[in-house]
Amino acid sequence: MKYVILLIGLVFFGCSETPIETPIGSQDNVEVIVTFSVDMSFQIDEGNFNPNIDELFIAGNFNGWCQDSCDEIIRITDDQYDIVFTNSDNSFFQVDTELQFKFKIHEDDWETPNPAVSNCIANEYGGYNRLYVIESGSNSLPKYWYNDESEN
């Protein structure tokens, strides 16, 4: 008898409201994963980067261009570096949001992306920022070369 009363209570009181603020499947509710990959082999070969002592960072409009803190890119192999962001870690990462970013070695060695090689946008300093617009789901950005310099 107590199970019948519990069931009736759940039917009448447990489902009295339907969530309407964020519809399921809306863009704000979509899981977004953005993966950045950098190949540092050319910089290593040229003596511009030592994977044993140098650190690689990513700066962009999603982290205030490293004004307060910077996101270090994780060393996968001696010359390959990756970092992954999700919209649950950083609310900036939403569908259709424009990312502007650059890579940098240590605190002040900013790369200079080449708009003839990468998708870039001019910045207020006379240079270029890399540019990407976030899509729904998994966003594995193309492998970047620091300064767009490769062995080719």
C-alpha atoms as a PDB file:
ATOM      1  CA  MET A   1       0.000   0.000   0.000  1.00  0.00           C
ATOM      2  CA  LYS A   2       2.802   2.447   0.834  1.00  0.00           C
ATOM      3  CA  TYR A   3       4.314   1.848  -2.659  1.00  0.00           C
ATOM      4  CA  VAL A   4       1.027   2.821  -4.296  1.00  0.00           C
ATOM      5  CA  ILE A   5       0.922   6.055  -2.289  1.00  0.00           C
ATOM      6  CA  LEU A   6       4.559   6.757  -3.189  1.00  0.00           C
ATOM      7  CA  LEU A   7       3.851   6.159  -6.884  1.00  0.00           C
ATOM      8  CA  ILE A   8       0.806   8.423  -6.835  1.00  0.00           C
ATOM      9  CA  GLY A   9       2.820  11.115  -5.035  1.00  0.00           C
ATOM     10  CA  LEU A  10       5.568  10.964  -7.644  1.00  0.00           C
ATOM     11  CA  VAL A  11       3.114  11.206 -10.519  1.00  0.00           C
ATOM     12  CA  PHE A  12       1.292  14.226  -9.116  1.00  0.00           C
ATOM     13  CA  PHE A  13       4.102  16.128  -7.433  1.00  0.00           C
ATOM     14  CA  GLY A  14       7.393  14.874  -8.877  1.00  0.00           C
ATOM     15  CA  CYS A  15       6.745  15.881 -12.478  1.00  0.00           C
ATOM     16  CA  SER A  16       4.836  19.098 -11.986  1.00  0.00           C
ATOM     17  CA  GLU A  17       7.372  21.331 -13.748  1.00  0.00           C
ATOM     18  CA  THR A  18       9.167  20.979 -17.058  1.00  0.00           C
ATOM     19  CA  PRO A  19      12.537  22.720 -17.472  1.00  0.00           C
ATOM     20  CA  ILE A  20      12.138  25.528 -19.994  1.00  0.00           C
ATOM     21  CA  GLU A  21      15.108  27.839 -19.428  1.00  0.00           C
ATOM     22  CA  THR A  22      17.586  25.851 -21.564  1.00  0.00           C
ATOM     23  CA  PRO A  23      15.952  23.498 -24.060  1.00  0.00           C
ATOM     24  CA  ILE A  24      17.745  20.201 -24.467  1.00  0.00           C
ATOM     25  CA  GLY A  25      19.898  20.329 -27.579  1.00  0.00           C
ATOM     26  CA  SER A  26      20.307  24.102 -27.551  1.00  0.00           C
ATOM     27  CA  GLN A  27      23.726  25.449 -28.447  1.00  0.00           C
ATOM     28  CA  ASP A  28      24.420  26.476 -24.844  1.00  0.00           C
ATOM     29  CA  ASN A  29      23.888  22.873 -23.791  1.00  0.00           C
ATOM     30  CA  VAL A  30      26.172  21.278 -26.396  1.00  0.00           C
ATOM     31  CA  GLU A  31      29.455  19.763 -25.249  1.00  0.00           C
ATOM     32  CA  VAL A  32      32.258  21.479 -27.136  1.00  0.00           C
ATOM     33  CA  ILE A  33      35.769  20.052 -27.229  1.00  0.00           C
ATOM     34  CA  VAL A  34      38.590  22.054 -28.831  1.00  0.00           C
ATOM     35  CA  THR A  35      42.026  20.463 -29.336  1.00  0.00           C
ATOM     36  CA  PHE A  36      45.061  22.545 -30.292  1.00  0.00           C
ATOM     37  CA  SER A  37      48.180  20.748 -31.620  1.00  0.00           C
ATOM     38  CA  VAL A  38      51.576  22.309 -32.283  1.00  0.00           C
ATOM     39  CA  ASP A  39      54.557  20.768 -34.047  1.00  0.00           C
ATOM     40  CA  MET A  40      57.788  22.243 -32.683  1.00  0.00           C
ATOM     41  CA  SER A  41      60.215  20.050 -34.672  1.00  0.00           C
ATOM     42  CA  PHE A  42      61.414  22.885 -36.945  1.00  0.00           C
ATOM     43  CA  GLN A  43      61.978  25.200 -33.967  1.00  0.00           C
ATOM     44  CA  ILE A  44      63.911  22.440 -32.186  1.00  0.00           C
ATOM     45  CA  ASP A  45      66.048  21.776 -35.276  1.00  0.00           C
ATOM     46  CA  GLU A  46      66.778  25.496 -35.610  1.00  0.00           C
ATOM     47  CA  GLY A  47      67.804  25.740 -31.938  1.00  0.00           C
ATOM     48  CA  ASN A  48      64.904  28.079 -31.083  1.00  0.00           C
ATOM     49  CA  PHE A  49      63.199  25.657 -28.672  1.00  0.00           C
ATOM     50  CA  ASN A  50      64.588  23.083 -26.242  1.00  0.00           C
ATOM     51  CA  PRO A  51      61.836  20.666 -25.114  1.00  0.00           C
ATOM     52  CA  ASN A  52      63.812  19.825 -21.961  1.00  0.00           C
ATOM     53  CA  ILE A  53      63.820  23.385 -20.604  1.00  0.00           C
ATOM     54  CA  ASP A  54      61.446  25.549 -22.677  1.00  0.00           C
ATOM     55  CA  GLU A  55      57.706  25.851 -22.075  1.00  0.00           C
ATOM     56  CA  LEU A  56      55.044  26.402 -24.733  1.00  0.00           C
ATOM     57  CA  PHE A  57      51.875  28.371 -24.002  1.00  0.00           C
ATOM     58  CA  ILE A  58      48.692  29.340 -25.799  1.00  0.00           C
ATOM     59  CA  ALA A  59      47.261  32.835 -25.436  1.00  0.00           C
ATOM     60  CA  GLY A  60      44.006  34.114 -26.847  1.00  0.00           C
ATOM     61  CA  ASN A  61      40.733  35.890 -26.354  1.00  0.00           C
ATOM     62  CA  PHE A  62      39.540  32.876 -24.303  1.00  0.00           C
ATOM     63  CA  ASN A  63      42.168  33.400 -21.551  1.00  0.00           C
ATOM     64  CA  GLY A  64      42.645  37.182 -21.633  1.00  0.00           C
ATOM     65  CA  TRP A  65      45.799  36.873 -23.760  1.00  0.00           C
ATOM     66  CA  CYS A  66      47.605  35.587 -20.639  1.00  0.00           C
ATOM     67  CA  GLN A  67      47.186  38.810 -18.664  1.00  0.00           C
ATOM     68  CA  ASP A  68      46.533  36.929 -15.402  1.00  0.00           C
ATOM     69  CA  SER A  69      47.572  33.384 -16.199  1.00  0.00           C
ATOM     70  CA  CYS A  70      48.497  31.342 -19.231  1.00  0.00           C
ATOM     71  CA  ASP A  71      47.651  27.816 -20.367  1.00  0.00           C
ATOM     72  CA  GLU A  72      50.696  25.616 -20.860  1.00  0.00           C
ATOM     73  CA  ILE A  73      50.524  23.233 -23.799  1.00  0.00           C
ATOM     74  CA  ILE A  74      51.286  19.643 -22.832  1.00  0.00           C
ATOM     75  CA  ARG A  75      54.307  17.894 -24.333  1.00  0.00           C
ATOM     76  CA  ILE A  76      53.114  14.679 -26.012  1.00  0.00           C
ATOM     77  CA  THR A  77      56.442  13.757 -27.636  1.00  0.00           C
ATOM     78  CA  ASP A  78      59.697  15.725 -27.991  1.00  0.00           C
ATOM     79  CA  ASP A  79      58.252  17.875 -30.766  1.00  0.00           C
ATOM     80  CA  GLN A  80      54.444  17.465 -30.477  1.00  0.00           C
ATOM     81  CA  TYR A  81      52.360  19.509 -28.027  1.00  0.00           C
ATOM     82  CA  ASP A  82      48.597  19.387 -27.399  1.00  0.00           C
ATOM     83  CA  ILE A  83      46.041  21.096 -25.175  1.00  0.00           C
ATOM     84  CA  VAL A  84      42.300  20.435 -24.928  1.00  0.00           C
ATOM     85  CA  PHE A  85      39.548  22.791 -23.754  1.00  0.00           C
ATOM     86  CA  THR A  86      35.856  22.058 -23.217  1.00  0.00           C
ATOM     87  CA  ASN A  87      32.903  24.329 -22.607  1.00  0.00           C
ATOM     88  CA  SER A  88      32.544  22.767 -19.155  1.00  0.00           C
ATOM     89  CA  ASP A  89      36.123  23.866 -18.278  1.00  0.00           C
ATOM     90  CA  ASN A  90      35.898  27.305 -19.886  1.00  0.00           C
ATOM     91  CA  SER A  91      32.506  28.817 -20.713  1.00  0.00           C
ATOM     92  CA  PHE A  92      34.078  30.901 -23.514  1.00  0.00           C
ATOM     93  CA  PHE A  93      34.142  27.773 -25.698  1.00  0.00           C
ATOM     94  CA  GLN A  94      30.641  27.869 -27.226  1.00  0.00           C
ATOM     95  CA  VAL A  95      29.355  27.015 -30.700  1.00  0.00           C
ATOM     96  CA  ASP A  96      29.915  29.809 -33.271  1.00  0.00           C
ATOM     97  CA  THR A  97      32.367  31.651 -31.003  1.00  0.00           C
ATOM     98  CA  GLU A  98      35.374  33.137 -32.794  1.00  0.00           C
ATOM     99  CA  LEU A  99      38.693  32.107 -31.275  1.00  0.00           C
ATOM    100  CA  GLN A 100      41.723  34.325 -31.764  1.00  0.00           C
ATOM    101  CA  PHE A 101      44.982  32.900 -30.444  1.00  0.00           C
ATOM    102  CA  LYS A 102      48.760  32.603 -30.695  1.00  0.00           C
ATOM    103  CA  PHE A 103      51.409  30.350 -29.263  1.00  0.00           C
ATOM    104  CA  LYS A 104      54.346  31.620 -27.258  1.00  0.00           C
ATOM    105  CA  ILE A 105      57.536  30.294 -25.750  1.00  0.00           C
ATOM    106  CA  HIS A 106      57.995  31.407 -22.132  1.00  0.00           C
ATOM    107  CA  GLU A 107      56.443  34.726 -21.244  1.00  0.00           C
ATOM    108  CA  ASP A 108      57.424  36.990 -24.108  1.00  0.00           C
ATOM    109  CA  ASP A 109      58.408  35.072 -27.254  1.00  0.00           C
ATOM    110  CA  TRP A 110      55.186  35.410 -29.232  1.00  0.00           C
ATOM    111  CA  GLU A 111      54.894  33.640 -32.560  1.00  0.00           C
ATOM    112  CA  THR A 112      54.060  35.535 -35.753  1.00  0.00           C
ATOM    113  CA  PRO A 113      51.476  33.523 -37.710  1.00  0.00           C
ATOM    114  CA  ASN A 114      51.617  33.816 -41.486  1.00  0.00           C
ATOM    115  CA  PRO A 115      48.223  34.621 -43.083  1.00  0.00           C
ATOM    116  CA  ALA A 116      49.418  33.008 -46.337  1.00  0.00           C
ATOM    117  CA  VAL A 117      49.680  29.685 -44.462  1.00  0.00           C
ATOM    118  CA  SER A 118      47.079  29.808 -41.667  1.00  0.00           C
ATOM    119  CA  ASN A 119      43.628  31.277 -41.202  1.00  0.00           C
ATOM    120  CA  CYS A 120      44.481  34.602 -39.523  1.00  0.00           C
ATOM    121  CA  ILE A 121      43.018  37.994 -38.707  1.00  0.00           C
ATOM    122  CA  ALA A 122      44.927  41.272 -38.420  1.00  0.00           C
ATOM    123  CA  ASN A 123      45.415  42.555 -34.878  1.00  0.00           C
ATOM    124  CA  GLU A 124      45.879  46.068 -33.490  1.00  0.00           C
ATOM    125  CA  TYR A 125      49.665  45.625 -33.224  1.00  0.00           C
ATOM    126  CA  GLY A 126      50.269  45.280 -36.962  1.00  0.00           C
ATOM    127  CA  GLY A 127      50.571  41.497 -36.834  1.00  0.00           C
ATOM    128  CA  TYR A 128      48.161  38.592 -37.044  1.00  0.00           C
ATOM    129  CA  ASN A 129      46.281  36.288 -34.699  1.00  0.00           C
ATOM    130  CA  ARG A 130      45.225  32.785 -35.618  1.00  0.00           C
ATOM    131  CA  LEU A 131      41.466  32.479 -36.146  1.00  0.00           C
ATOM    132  CA  TYR A 132      38.995  29.612 -35.699  1.00  0.00           C
ATOM    133  CA  VAL A 133      35.203  29.500 -35.270  1.00  0.00           C
ATOM    134  CA  ILE A 134      34.004  26.799 -32.873  1.00  0.00           C
ATOM    135  CA  GLU A 135      31.650  24.138 -34.201  1.00  0.00           C
ATOM    136  CA  SER A 136      29.398  21.789 -32.263  1.00  0.00           C
ATOM    137  CA  GLY A 137      31.054  18.665 -30.858  1.00  0.00           C
ATOM    138  CA  SER A 138      34.723  17.809 -31.291  1.00  0.00           C
ATOM    139  CA  ASN A 139      36.958  20.469 -32.855  1.00  0.00           C
ATOM    140  CA  SER A 140      40.383  19.057 -33.667  1.00  0.00           C
ATOM    141  CA  LEU A 141      42.124  22.065 -35.120  1.00  0.00           C
ATOM    142  CA  PRO A 142      44.754  21.442 -37.780  1.00  0.00           C
ATOM    143  CA  LYS A 143      48.277  20.823 -36.545  1.00  0.00           C
ATOM    144  CA  TYR A 144      50.027  24.170 -36.349  1.00  0.00           C
ATOM    145  CA  TRP A 145      53.723  24.923 -36.779  1.00  0.00           C
ATOM    146  CA  TYR A 146      55.096  27.616 -34.482  1.00  0.00           C
ATOM    147  CA  ASN A 147      55.429  30.787 -36.625  1.00  0.00           C
ATOM    148  CA  ASP A 148      54.022  28.677 -39.480  1.00  0.00           C
ATOM    149  CA  GLU A 149      57.598  27.531 -40.145  1.00  0.00           C
ATOM    150  CA  SER A 150      58.045  23.906 -41.174  1.00  0.00           C
ATOM    151  CA  GLU A 151      60.715  21.810 -42.786  1.00  0.00           C
ATOM    152  CA  ASN A 152      58.928  22.052 -46.150  1.00  0.00           C
END
